[in-house]
Protein backbone atom coordinates (compact mmCIF):
# COMPACT_ATOMS: atom_id res chain seq x y z
CA UNK A 1 -1.09 81.32 46.31
CA UNK A 2 -0.49 84.93 47.20
CA UNK A 3 -0.21 87.46 44.42
CA UNK A 4 3.11 89.13 44.96
CA UNK A 5 3.11 91.22 41.78
CA UNK A 6 3.56 94.83 42.71
CA UNK A 7 1.05 97.50 41.66
CA UNK A 8 3.53 99.16 39.35
CA UNK A 9 4.21 95.83 37.61
CA UNK A 10 0.40 95.35 37.18
CA UNK A 11 0.15 98.84 35.71
CA UNK A 12 3.03 98.14 33.41
CA UNK A 13 1.42 94.99 32.17
CA UNK A 14 -1.91 96.63 31.62
CA UNK A 15 -0.49 99.61 29.73
CA UNK A 16 1.69 97.33 27.59
CA UNK A 17 -1.46 95.31 26.65
CA UNK A 18 -3.29 98.38 25.78
CA UNK A 19 -0.40 99.50 23.42
CA UNK A 20 -0.07 96.01 21.88
CA UNK A 21 -3.78 95.69 21.28
CA UNK A 22 -3.93 99.07 19.60
CA UNK A 23 -6.22 100.62 22.30
CA UNK A 24 -3.39 103.12 22.76
CA UNK A 25 -2.11 104.28 19.37
CA UNK A 26 1.55 105.18 18.31
CA UNK A 27 2.16 108.85 18.95
CA UNK A 28 -0.81 109.27 21.40
CA UNK A 29 -0.06 111.51 24.30
CA UNK A 30 -0.72 110.39 27.86
CA UNK A 31 -0.45 111.91 31.20
CA UNK A 32 0.41 110.38 34.57
CA UNK A 33 -2.73 111.80 36.14
CA UNK A 34 -5.00 110.65 33.50
CA UNK A 35 -3.65 107.07 33.74
CA UNK A 36 -3.86 107.13 37.46
CA UNK A 37 -7.46 108.47 37.42
CA UNK A 38 -8.48 105.89 34.84
CA UNK A 39 -6.99 102.92 36.80
CA UNK A 40 -7.98 104.36 40.18
CA UNK A 41 -4.49 104.31 41.54
CA UNK A 42 -2.01 106.92 42.87
CA UNK A 43 0.54 108.57 40.58
CA UNK A 44 3.67 107.00 42.10
CA UNK A 45 3.22 103.46 40.70
CA UNK A 46 2.12 104.83 37.44
CA UNK A 47 5.42 106.83 37.22
CA UNK A 48 7.37 103.69 37.96
CA UNK A 49 5.51 101.66 35.31
CA UNK A 50 5.82 104.52 32.74
CA UNK A 51 9.68 104.78 33.48
CA UNK A 52 10.12 100.99 32.78
CA UNK A 53 7.97 101.15 29.65
CA UNK A 54 10.14 104.02 28.40
CA UNK A 55 13.12 101.85 28.83
CA UNK A 56 11.46 98.92 26.98
CA UNK A 57 10.53 100.94 23.97
CA UNK A 58 6.70 101.15 24.41
CA UNK A 59 6.44 104.67 25.68
CA UNK A 60 8.56 107.82 25.28
CA UNK A 61 8.97 110.36 28.16
CA UNK A 62 9.53 113.80 26.70
CA UNK A 63 10.64 116.34 29.31
CA UNK A 64 8.19 119.25 29.73
CA UNK A 65 6.11 117.70 26.84
CA UNK A 66 4.60 114.51 28.43
CA UNK A 67 4.41 110.91 27.78
CA UNK A 68 3.78 109.43 24.37
CA UNK A 69 3.16 106.05 22.90
CA UNK A 70 6.32 105.17 20.91
CA UNK A 71 6.07 104.97 17.13
CA UNK A 72 6.61 101.50 15.49
CA UNK A 73 7.58 101.66 11.88
CA UNK A 74 8.99 99.11 9.36
CA UNK A 75 12.63 100.05 10.14
CA UNK A 76 12.19 99.60 13.86
CA UNK A 77 10.51 96.29 13.29
CA UNK A 78 13.32 95.08 10.97
CA UNK A 79 15.98 96.04 13.53
CA UNK A 80 13.94 94.25 16.29
CA UNK A 81 13.71 90.99 14.14
CA UNK A 82 17.34 91.11 13.14
CA UNK A 83 18.34 91.35 16.84
CA UNK A 84 15.82 88.52 17.72
CA UNK A 85 17.29 86.31 15.00
CA UNK A 86 20.83 86.62 16.42
CA UNK A 87 19.68 86.01 19.98
CA UNK A 88 17.19 83.17 19.39
CA UNK A 89 19.66 81.31 17.27
CA UNK A 90 22.03 81.39 20.14
CA UNK A 91 19.19 80.32 22.44
CA UNK A 92 18.45 77.25 20.30
CA UNK A 93 22.02 76.23 20.27
CA UNK A 94 21.98 76.21 24.09
CA UNK A 95 18.52 74.57 24.33
CA UNK A 96 18.69 71.96 21.62
CA UNK A 97 20.03 69.07 23.82
CA UNK A 98 18.17 70.16 26.92
CA UNK A 99 14.53 70.24 25.77
CA UNK A 100 12.98 66.94 27.04
CA UNK A 101 11.77 64.70 24.15
CA UNK A 102 8.24 64.56 25.57
CA UNK A 103 8.07 68.40 25.48
CA UNK A 104 9.18 68.35 21.84
CA UNK A 105 6.47 65.68 20.96
CA UNK A 106 3.86 67.65 22.94
CA UNK A 107 4.60 70.86 21.06
CA UNK A 108 4.42 68.90 17.79
CA UNK A 109 1.03 67.38 18.67
CA UNK A 110 -0.34 70.84 19.77
CA UNK A 111 0.68 72.39 16.41
CA UNK A 112 -0.87 69.49 14.48
CA UNK A 113 -4.08 69.43 16.51
CA UNK A 114 -4.44 73.22 15.88
CA UNK A 115 -3.90 72.73 12.26
CA UNK A 116 -6.44 70.02 12.02
CA UNK A 117 -9.00 72.21 13.83
CA UNK A 118 -8.32 75.11 11.49
CA UNK A 119 -8.82 72.91 8.44
CA UNK A 120 -11.98 71.31 9.82
CA UNK A 121 -13.62 74.46 11.15
CA UNK A 122 -11.80 77.39 9.66
CA UNK A 123 -11.08 78.58 13.20
CA UNK A 124 -7.48 79.55 13.76
CA UNK A 125 -7.82 80.10 17.45
CA UNK A 126 -6.28 76.82 18.65
CA UNK A 127 -3.26 77.32 16.34
CA UNK A 128 -2.97 80.86 17.52
CA UNK A 129 -2.93 79.63 21.13
CA UNK A 130 0.21 77.53 20.47
CA UNK A 131 1.88 80.05 18.12
CA UNK A 132 4.74 80.87 20.56
CA UNK A 133 4.90 77.41 22.14
CA UNK A 134 8.12 76.34 20.31
CA UNK A 135 9.80 79.72 20.96
CA UNK A 136 8.93 79.57 24.63
CA UNK A 137 10.47 76.10 24.78
CA UNK A 138 13.72 77.40 23.32
CA UNK A 139 13.90 80.42 25.65
CA UNK A 140 13.08 78.36 28.75
CA UNK A 141 15.60 75.53 28.07
CA UNK A 142 18.49 77.84 27.02
CA UNK A 143 18.72 78.32 30.85
CA UNK A 144 20.19 81.78 30.43
CA UNK A 145 18.13 84.43 32.33
CA UNK A 146 19.67 87.41 30.65
CA UNK A 147 19.16 86.01 27.26
CA UNK A 148 15.52 85.03 28.18
CA UNK A 149 14.78 88.59 29.36
CA UNK A 150 16.07 90.16 26.19
CA UNK A 151 14.11 87.69 24.03
CA UNK A 152 10.81 88.08 25.84
CA UNK A 153 11.25 91.89 25.53
CA UNK A 154 11.68 91.54 21.78
CA UNK A 155 8.77 89.14 21.59
CA UNK A 156 6.53 91.73 23.04
CA UNK A 157 7.64 94.30 20.59
CA UNK A 158 7.18 91.89 17.75
CA UNK A 159 3.63 90.94 18.90
CA UNK A 160 2.84 94.72 18.81
CA UNK A 161 4.09 94.98 15.18
CA UNK A 162 2.16 91.90 14.25
CA UNK A 163 -1.04 93.49 15.63
CA UNK A 164 -0.52 96.59 13.43
CA UNK A 165 -0.68 94.37 10.26
CA UNK A 166 -2.85 91.57 11.65
CA UNK A 167 -5.76 92.17 9.25
CA UNK A 168 -3.36 91.99 6.25
CA UNK A 169 -1.93 88.67 7.59
CA UNK A 170 -5.03 86.57 8.40
CA UNK A 171 -3.15 83.31 7.79
CA UNK A 172 0.02 84.08 9.75
CA UNK A 173 -0.16 81.02 11.86
CA UNK A 174 -0.80 78.74 8.96
CA UNK A 175 2.24 80.24 7.11
CA UNK A 176 4.49 79.57 10.16
CA UNK A 177 3.23 76.01 10.81
CA UNK A 178 5.44 74.07 8.48
CA UNK A 179 8.44 76.10 9.67
CA UNK A 180 7.69 75.35 13.35
CA UNK A 181 7.34 71.66 12.64
CA UNK A 182 10.69 71.57 10.79
CA UNK A 183 12.36 73.17 13.76
CA UNK A 184 10.77 70.70 16.13
CA UNK A 185 11.78 67.72 13.90
CA UNK A 186 15.41 68.92 14.01
CA UNK A 187 15.23 69.33 17.77
CA UNK A 188 13.76 65.91 18.02
CA UNK A 189 16.84 64.52 16.26
CA UNK A 190 19.10 66.66 18.48
CA UNK A 191 20.55 68.19 15.28
CA UNK A 192 21.74 71.63 16.55
CA UNK A 193 22.91 72.93 13.20
CA UNK A 194 19.63 71.96 11.46
CA UNK A 195 17.62 73.49 14.19
CA UNK A 196 19.53 76.75 13.84
CA UNK A 197 19.08 76.80 10.07
CA UNK A 198 15.47 76.13 10.32
CA UNK A 199 14.87 78.68 13.03
CA UNK A 200 16.88 81.32 11.19
CA UNK A 201 14.90 80.62 7.94
CA UNK A 202 11.59 80.81 9.87
CA UNK A 203 12.33 84.06 11.52
CA UNK A 204 13.57 85.63 8.36
CA UNK A 205 10.55 84.46 6.58
CA UNK A 206 8.36 85.93 9.32
CA UNK A 207 10.09 89.29 9.00
CA UNK A 208 9.68 89.36 5.25
CA UNK A 209 5.95 88.36 5.32
CA UNK A 210 5.27 91.01 7.95
CA UNK A 211 7.17 93.71 6.04
CA UNK A 212 5.23 92.87 2.84
CA UNK A 213 2.00 93.01 4.80
CA UNK A 214 3.01 96.37 6.23
CA UNK A 215 3.37 97.66 2.62
CA UNK A 216 -0.21 96.64 2.05
CA UNK A 217 -1.41 98.36 5.18
CA UNK A 218 -1.92 102.18 4.47
CA UNK A 219 -3.00 102.65 8.03
CA UNK A 220 0.21 101.38 9.56
CA UNK A 221 2.30 104.39 8.78
């Protein structure tokens, strides 16, 4: 299959990953020429990628001053999570009766398999791999492209925040596991209200756990 992704899209993805991984730090100053030289591309697609990342909240373009990695503090994270809660609870209402039963069973099996592996080996990697499986199902089967785009943008910002406090939340996936299984159980019974309640509770708990971890992370500010 031909790769039809444009060069500016690839640059956008690369820079976003550098920011989310912490390779580029909040407040760090960048230049179009430096990025272009480092990635061995021309300046034009870099400008396009930077402009989009500015709109998405990862970079800040300051006229006559340059390009800076956006700051991400607790207040911004809280606002991002509050918005996600409202939108994803709408998404689960739309998706609850559309997600195929075999997809729900598969997700449940993957979470449980990852949990068994973590208990037996102490390795959380398999659980981490399926961490967003449930949320991706909800977004996909809501069948609303506008809602999906907004939620995926918020997911990226939240992943960035989670990286900032990751070492202070080593058991994040284990904490979320019973909440994910509760949501899947409600979806399996096609109980829309129970799924919404469980999802709202899960996201609120995730927000609270992350904010508490942020308080324990002196390097996050």
